[in-house]
Amino acid sequence: MLIKLFSLAFILMTLSGCFSSSPKPSVIVVEKSINQQNIDQARLGSPIKAVKNPKKTPNIPVVGKVVKTFSEQHPGLTFNTQPNQPVRAILDGIVAYSGGKTKSLGKMIVIKHPLGFYSSYTQNQSLKVKSGDEVKRGQVIALTGTDNFYFEMKKFKVPINPLKYLK
């Protein structure tokens, strides 16, 4: 009987700590996967300009005016570009796919980034990287074709709005 009483007292003392009114430290969750600053919506109508230093270059794939933004029917961004413009990787990663010449997509590159992110670059005229290549942020990976350039981002196969990650 004495053992049961001590066991019950121990359990009650342990549980009383769960209900105490002493302040608990706050938990802060910080996502460090990528820089998540929004693009100013007013800039959508103006061309995005290139910067010479890649470390200070905005995370944009091409220089050009965004002519169509992300929606359920259009899970990416369409840029008004000229032929032979450089296409740059928006983040470091590994080329998961490079190739293809389809009527609707042109030549395409898909880059796998850390933490489940993927970026797709389509409507290219020529490709500068191949599957398995390691690429760095700002590296030229392709040249645009005659059609408007199309860019898309996914996180674990789910389309996400690129404007949340480009700056």
C-alpha atoms as a PDB file:
ATOM      1  CA  MET A   1       0.000   0.000   0.000  1.00  0.00           C
ATOM      2  CA  LEU A   2       2.867   2.371   0.820  1.00  0.00           C
ATOM      3  CA  ILE A   3       4.412   1.804  -2.629  1.00  0.00           C
ATOM      4  CA  LYS A   4       1.110   2.691  -4.315  1.00  0.00           C
ATOM      5  CA  LEU A   5       0.891   5.881  -2.247  1.00  0.00           C
ATOM      6  CA  PHE A   6       4.448   6.930  -3.185  1.00  0.00           C
ATOM      7  CA  SER A   7       3.769   6.091  -6.852  1.00  0.00           C
ATOM      8  CA  LEU A   8       0.594   8.172  -6.807  1.00  0.00           C
ATOM      9  CA  ALA A   9       2.410  11.088  -5.118  1.00  0.00           C
ATOM     10  CA  PHE A  10       5.203  10.926  -7.699  1.00  0.00           C
ATOM     11  CA  ILE A  11       2.757  10.941 -10.621  1.00  0.00           C
ATOM     12  CA  LEU A  12       0.822  13.882  -9.141  1.00  0.00           C
ATOM     13  CA  MET A  13       4.027  15.898  -8.615  1.00  0.00           C
ATOM     14  CA  THR A  14       5.118  15.165 -12.190  1.00  0.00           C
ATOM     15  CA  LEU A  15       1.760  16.207 -13.628  1.00  0.00           C
ATOM     16  CA  SER A  16       1.582  19.351 -11.500  1.00  0.00           C
ATOM     17  CA  GLY A  17       4.542  20.725 -13.465  1.00  0.00           C
ATOM     18  CA  CYS A  18       2.425  20.584 -16.627  1.00  0.00           C
ATOM     19  CA  PHE A  19      -0.210  22.850 -15.124  1.00  0.00           C
ATOM     20  CA  SER A  20       1.981  25.345 -13.306  1.00  0.00           C
ATOM     21  CA  SER A  21       1.514  29.032 -14.065  1.00  0.00           C
ATOM     22  CA  SER A  22       5.220  29.805 -14.401  1.00  0.00           C
ATOM     23  CA  PRO A  23       6.046  31.454 -17.747  1.00  0.00           C
ATOM     24  CA  LYS A  24       7.387  29.158 -20.432  1.00  0.00           C
ATOM     25  CA  PRO A  25       9.922  30.352 -23.024  1.00  0.00           C
ATOM     26  CA  SER A  26       8.437  31.141 -26.439  1.00  0.00           C
ATOM     27  CA  VAL A  27       9.300  28.946 -29.373  1.00  0.00           C
ATOM     28  CA  ILE A  28      10.219  30.737 -32.594  1.00  0.00           C
ATOM     29  CA  VAL A  29      10.315  28.814 -35.865  1.00  0.00           C
ATOM     30  CA  VAL A  30      12.527  30.329 -38.535  1.00  0.00           C
ATOM     31  CA  GLU A  31      12.418  29.095 -42.140  1.00  0.00           C
ATOM     32  CA  LYS A  32      15.930  29.428 -43.550  1.00  0.00           C
ATOM     33  CA  SER A  33      15.350  27.463 -46.737  1.00  0.00           C
ATOM     34  CA  ILE A  34      15.536  30.474 -49.029  1.00  0.00           C
ATOM     35  CA  ASN A  35      15.203  34.207 -48.959  1.00  0.00           C
ATOM     36  CA  GLN A  36      11.442  34.820 -48.893  1.00  0.00           C
ATOM     37  CA  GLN A  37      11.038  38.505 -49.591  1.00  0.00           C
ATOM     38  CA  ASN A  38       8.157  39.561 -51.786  1.00  0.00           C
ATOM     39  CA  ILE A  39       8.556  41.440 -55.028  1.00  0.00           C
ATOM     40  CA  ASP A  40       6.932  44.832 -54.897  1.00  0.00           C
ATOM     41  CA  GLN A  41       3.682  44.380 -56.831  1.00  0.00           C
ATOM     42  CA  ALA A  42       4.127  47.800 -58.446  1.00  0.00           C
ATOM     43  CA  ARG A  43       7.259  46.489 -60.225  1.00  0.00           C
ATOM     44  CA  LEU A  44       5.324  43.824 -62.131  1.00  0.00           C
ATOM     45  CA  GLY A  45       4.602  46.188 -64.994  1.00  0.00           C
ATOM     46  CA  SER A  46       8.201  47.366 -65.357  1.00  0.00           C
ATOM     47  CA  PRO A  47      11.143  45.374 -66.712  1.00  0.00           C
ATOM     48  CA  ILE A  48      13.403  43.715 -64.153  1.00  0.00           C
ATOM     49  CA  LYS A  49      16.977  44.830 -64.722  1.00  0.00           C
ATOM     50  CA  ALA A  50      20.129  42.723 -64.407  1.00  0.00           C
ATOM     51  CA  VAL A  51      22.913  43.551 -61.969  1.00  0.00           C
ATOM     52  CA  LYS A  52      26.566  42.737 -62.740  1.00  0.00           C
ATOM     53  CA  ASN A  53      27.490  41.222 -59.341  1.00  0.00           C
ATOM     54  CA  PRO A  54      25.705  37.811 -59.077  1.00  0.00           C
ATOM     55  CA  LYS A  55      25.740  37.923 -55.270  1.00  0.00           C
ATOM     56  CA  LYS A  56      23.723  41.153 -55.432  1.00  0.00           C
ATOM     57  CA  THR A  57      21.621  40.123 -58.429  1.00  0.00           C
ATOM     58  CA  PRO A  58      17.945  39.692 -57.657  1.00  0.00           C
ATOM     59  CA  ASN A  59      16.788  36.092 -57.794  1.00  0.00           C
ATOM     60  CA  ILE A  60      15.266  36.471 -61.239  1.00  0.00           C
ATOM     61  CA  PRO A  61      15.712  34.032 -64.102  1.00  0.00           C
ATOM     62  CA  VAL A  62      15.601  36.575 -66.980  1.00  0.00           C
ATOM     63  CA  VAL A  63      15.477  40.293 -67.600  1.00  0.00           C
ATOM     64  CA  GLY A  64      12.050  41.252 -68.880  1.00  0.00           C
ATOM     65  CA  LYS A  65       8.555  42.411 -68.119  1.00  0.00           C
ATOM     66  CA  VAL A  66       6.277  39.921 -66.345  1.00  0.00           C
ATOM     67  CA  VAL A  67       3.314  39.634 -68.725  1.00  0.00           C
ATOM     68  CA  LYS A  68       1.409  36.867 -66.954  1.00  0.00           C
ATOM     69  CA  THR A  69       1.495  36.099 -63.228  1.00  0.00           C
ATOM     70  CA  PHE A  70       0.807  33.011 -61.117  1.00  0.00           C
ATOM     71  CA  SER A  71      -2.753  31.639 -60.880  1.00  0.00           C
ATOM     72  CA  GLU A  72      -4.467  28.249 -60.673  1.00  0.00           C
ATOM     73  CA  GLN A  73      -4.655  28.120 -64.462  1.00  0.00           C
ATOM     74  CA  HIS A  74      -1.129  29.520 -64.932  1.00  0.00           C
ATOM     75  CA  PRO A  75       1.190  28.019 -62.265  1.00  0.00           C
ATOM     76  CA  GLY A  76       4.205  30.189 -63.110  1.00  0.00           C
ATOM     77  CA  LEU A  77       5.396  33.487 -64.559  1.00  0.00           C
ATOM     78  CA  THR A  78       5.630  34.456 -68.215  1.00  0.00           C
ATOM     79  CA  PHE A  79       8.284  37.023 -69.118  1.00  0.00           C
ATOM     80  CA  ASN A  80       8.351  39.091 -72.308  1.00  0.00           C
ATOM     81  CA  THR A  81      11.885  38.396 -73.566  1.00  0.00           C
ATOM     82  CA  GLN A  82      13.979  38.751 -76.701  1.00  0.00           C
ATOM     83  CA  PRO A  83      15.814  35.807 -78.322  1.00  0.00           C
ATOM     84  CA  ASN A  84      19.261  34.926 -76.918  1.00  0.00           C
ATOM     85  CA  GLN A  85      18.834  36.570 -73.507  1.00  0.00           C
ATOM     86  CA  PRO A  86      20.715  34.795 -70.699  1.00  0.00           C
ATOM     87  CA  VAL A  87      18.644  32.612 -68.381  1.00  0.00           C
ATOM     88  CA  ARG A  88      20.070  32.390 -64.846  1.00  0.00           C
ATOM     89  CA  ALA A  89      19.572  29.887 -62.036  1.00  0.00           C
ATOM     90  CA  ILE A  90      17.630  31.528 -59.204  1.00  0.00           C
ATOM     91  CA  LEU A  91      19.324  29.414 -56.488  1.00  0.00           C
ATOM     92  CA  ASP A  92      22.101  26.850 -56.109  1.00  0.00           C
ATOM     93  CA  GLY A  93      21.063  23.321 -57.029  1.00  0.00           C
ATOM     94  CA  ILE A  94      21.465  20.232 -59.201  1.00  0.00           C
ATOM     95  CA  VAL A  95      20.061  20.025 -62.738  1.00  0.00           C
ATOM     96  CA  ALA A  96      17.373  17.316 -62.574  1.00  0.00           C
ATOM     97  CA  TYR A  97      16.433  17.619 -66.257  1.00  0.00           C
ATOM     98  CA  SER A  98      17.881  19.394 -69.278  1.00  0.00           C
ATOM     99  CA  GLY A  99      16.592  18.830 -72.775  1.00  0.00           C
ATOM    100  CA  GLY A 100      13.436  18.285 -74.723  1.00  0.00           C
ATOM    101  CA  LYS A 101      12.163  20.173 -77.679  1.00  0.00           C
ATOM    102  CA  THR A 102       8.391  20.234 -77.590  1.00  0.00           C
ATOM    103  CA  LYS A 103       6.158  22.642 -79.438  1.00  0.00           C
ATOM    104  CA  SER A 104       4.588  23.997 -76.243  1.00  0.00           C
ATOM    105  CA  LEU A 105       7.626  24.121 -73.926  1.00  0.00           C
ATOM    106  CA  GLY A 106      10.669  24.467 -76.158  1.00  0.00           C
ATOM    107  CA  LYS A 107      13.897  23.349 -74.515  1.00  0.00           C
ATOM    108  CA  MET A 108      13.541  23.016 -70.759  1.00  0.00           C
ATOM    109  CA  ILE A 109      15.672  22.881 -67.604  1.00  0.00           C
ATOM    110  CA  VAL A 110      14.508  21.708 -64.167  1.00  0.00           C
ATOM    111  CA  ILE A 111      16.745  22.398 -61.162  1.00  0.00           C
ATOM    112  CA  LYS A 112      16.374  20.662 -57.801  1.00  0.00           C
ATOM    113  CA  HIS A 113      17.149  22.966 -54.872  1.00  0.00           C
ATOM    114  CA  PRO A 114      17.505  22.156 -51.155  1.00  0.00           C
ATOM    115  CA  LEU A 115      14.434  21.496 -48.989  1.00  0.00           C
ATOM    116  CA  GLY A 116      12.221  20.147 -51.764  1.00  0.00           C
ATOM    117  CA  PHE A 117      12.184  23.192 -54.052  1.00  0.00           C
ATOM    118  CA  TYR A 118      12.279  22.849 -57.855  1.00  0.00           C
ATOM    119  CA  SER A 119      12.521  25.553 -60.520  1.00  0.00           C
ATOM    120  CA  SER A 120      11.609  25.069 -64.202  1.00  0.00           C
ATOM    121  CA  TYR A 121      12.895  27.225 -67.060  1.00  0.00           C
ATOM    122  CA  THR A 122      11.124  26.724 -70.400  1.00  0.00           C
ATOM    123  CA  GLN A 123      10.982  28.209 -73.912  1.00  0.00           C
ATOM    124  CA  ASN A 124      14.769  28.196 -74.255  1.00  0.00           C
ATOM    125  CA  GLN A 125      16.664  28.225 -77.532  1.00  0.00           C
ATOM    126  CA  SER A 126      19.909  26.687 -76.280  1.00  0.00           C
ATOM    127  CA  LEU A 127      20.901  24.985 -73.033  1.00  0.00           C
ATOM    128  CA  LYS A 128      24.217  25.555 -71.247  1.00  0.00           C
ATOM    129  CA  VAL A 129      23.892  22.778 -68.615  1.00  0.00           C
ATOM    130  CA  LYS A 130      23.018  19.092 -68.663  1.00  0.00           C
ATOM    131  CA  SER A 131      21.301  16.735 -66.232  1.00  0.00           C
ATOM    132  CA  GLY A 132      23.399  16.128 -63.118  1.00  0.00           C
ATOM    133  CA  ASP A 133      25.338  19.415 -63.344  1.00  0.00           C
ATOM    134  CA  GLU A 134      25.712  21.473 -60.191  1.00  0.00           C
ATOM    135  CA  VAL A 135      24.665  25.100 -60.708  1.00  0.00           C
ATOM    136  CA  LYS A 136      25.157  28.233 -58.640  1.00  0.00           C
ATOM    137  CA  ARG A 137      22.770  31.119 -58.105  1.00  0.00           C
ATOM    138  CA  GLY A 138      23.097  33.592 -60.990  1.00  0.00           C
ATOM    139  CA  GLN A 139      24.863  31.122 -63.315  1.00  0.00           C
ATOM    140  CA  VAL A 140      23.774  31.306 -66.972  1.00  0.00           C
ATOM    141  CA  ILE A 141      22.039  28.000 -67.714  1.00  0.00           C
ATOM    142  CA  ALA A 142      20.356  28.731 -71.076  1.00  0.00           C
ATOM    143  CA  LEU A 143      19.484  31.344 -73.698  1.00  0.00           C
ATOM    144  CA  THR A 144      15.893  32.378 -74.372  1.00  0.00           C
ATOM    145  CA  GLY A 145      14.113  31.483 -77.580  1.00  0.00           C
ATOM    146  CA  THR A 146      11.689  33.391 -79.770  1.00  0.00           C
ATOM    147  CA  ASP A 147       8.638  32.708 -77.542  1.00  0.00           C
ATOM    148  CA  ASN A 148       8.054  34.394 -74.185  1.00  0.00           C
ATOM    149  CA  PHE A 149      10.089  32.782 -71.400  1.00  0.00           C
ATOM    150  CA  TYR A 150       8.123  30.739 -68.842  1.00  0.00           C
ATOM    151  CA  PHE A 151       9.313  30.114 -65.254  1.00  0.00           C
ATOM    152  CA  GLU A 152       7.743  27.890 -62.622  1.00  0.00           C
ATOM    153  CA  MET A 153       8.531  26.839 -59.039  1.00  0.00           C
ATOM    154  CA  LYS A 154       7.353  23.854 -57.019  1.00  0.00           C
ATOM    155  CA  LYS A 155       7.815  22.608 -53.496  1.00  0.00           C
ATOM    156  CA  PHE A 156       7.463  18.823 -53.301  1.00  0.00           C
ATOM    157  CA  LYS A 157       5.620  18.713 -56.680  1.00  0.00           C
ATOM    158  CA  VAL A 158       3.099  21.397 -55.614  1.00  0.00           C
ATOM    159  CA  PRO A 159       3.184  24.615 -57.695  1.00  0.00           C
ATOM    160  CA  ILE A 160       4.017  27.708 -55.641  1.00  0.00           C
ATOM    161  CA  ASN A 161       3.893  31.392 -56.507  1.00  0.00           C
ATOM    162  CA  PRO A 162       7.435  32.360 -57.611  1.00  0.00           C
ATOM    163  CA  LEU A 163       6.813  35.999 -56.661  1.00  0.00           C
ATOM    164  CA  LYS A 164       7.062  35.000 -52.982  1.00  0.00           C
ATOM    165  CA  TYR A 165      10.653  33.836 -53.526  1.00  0.00           C
ATOM    166  CA  LEU A 166      12.020  36.167 -56.166  1.00  0.00           C
ATOM    167  CA  LYS A 167      13.286  39.588 -55.150  1.00  0.00           C
END
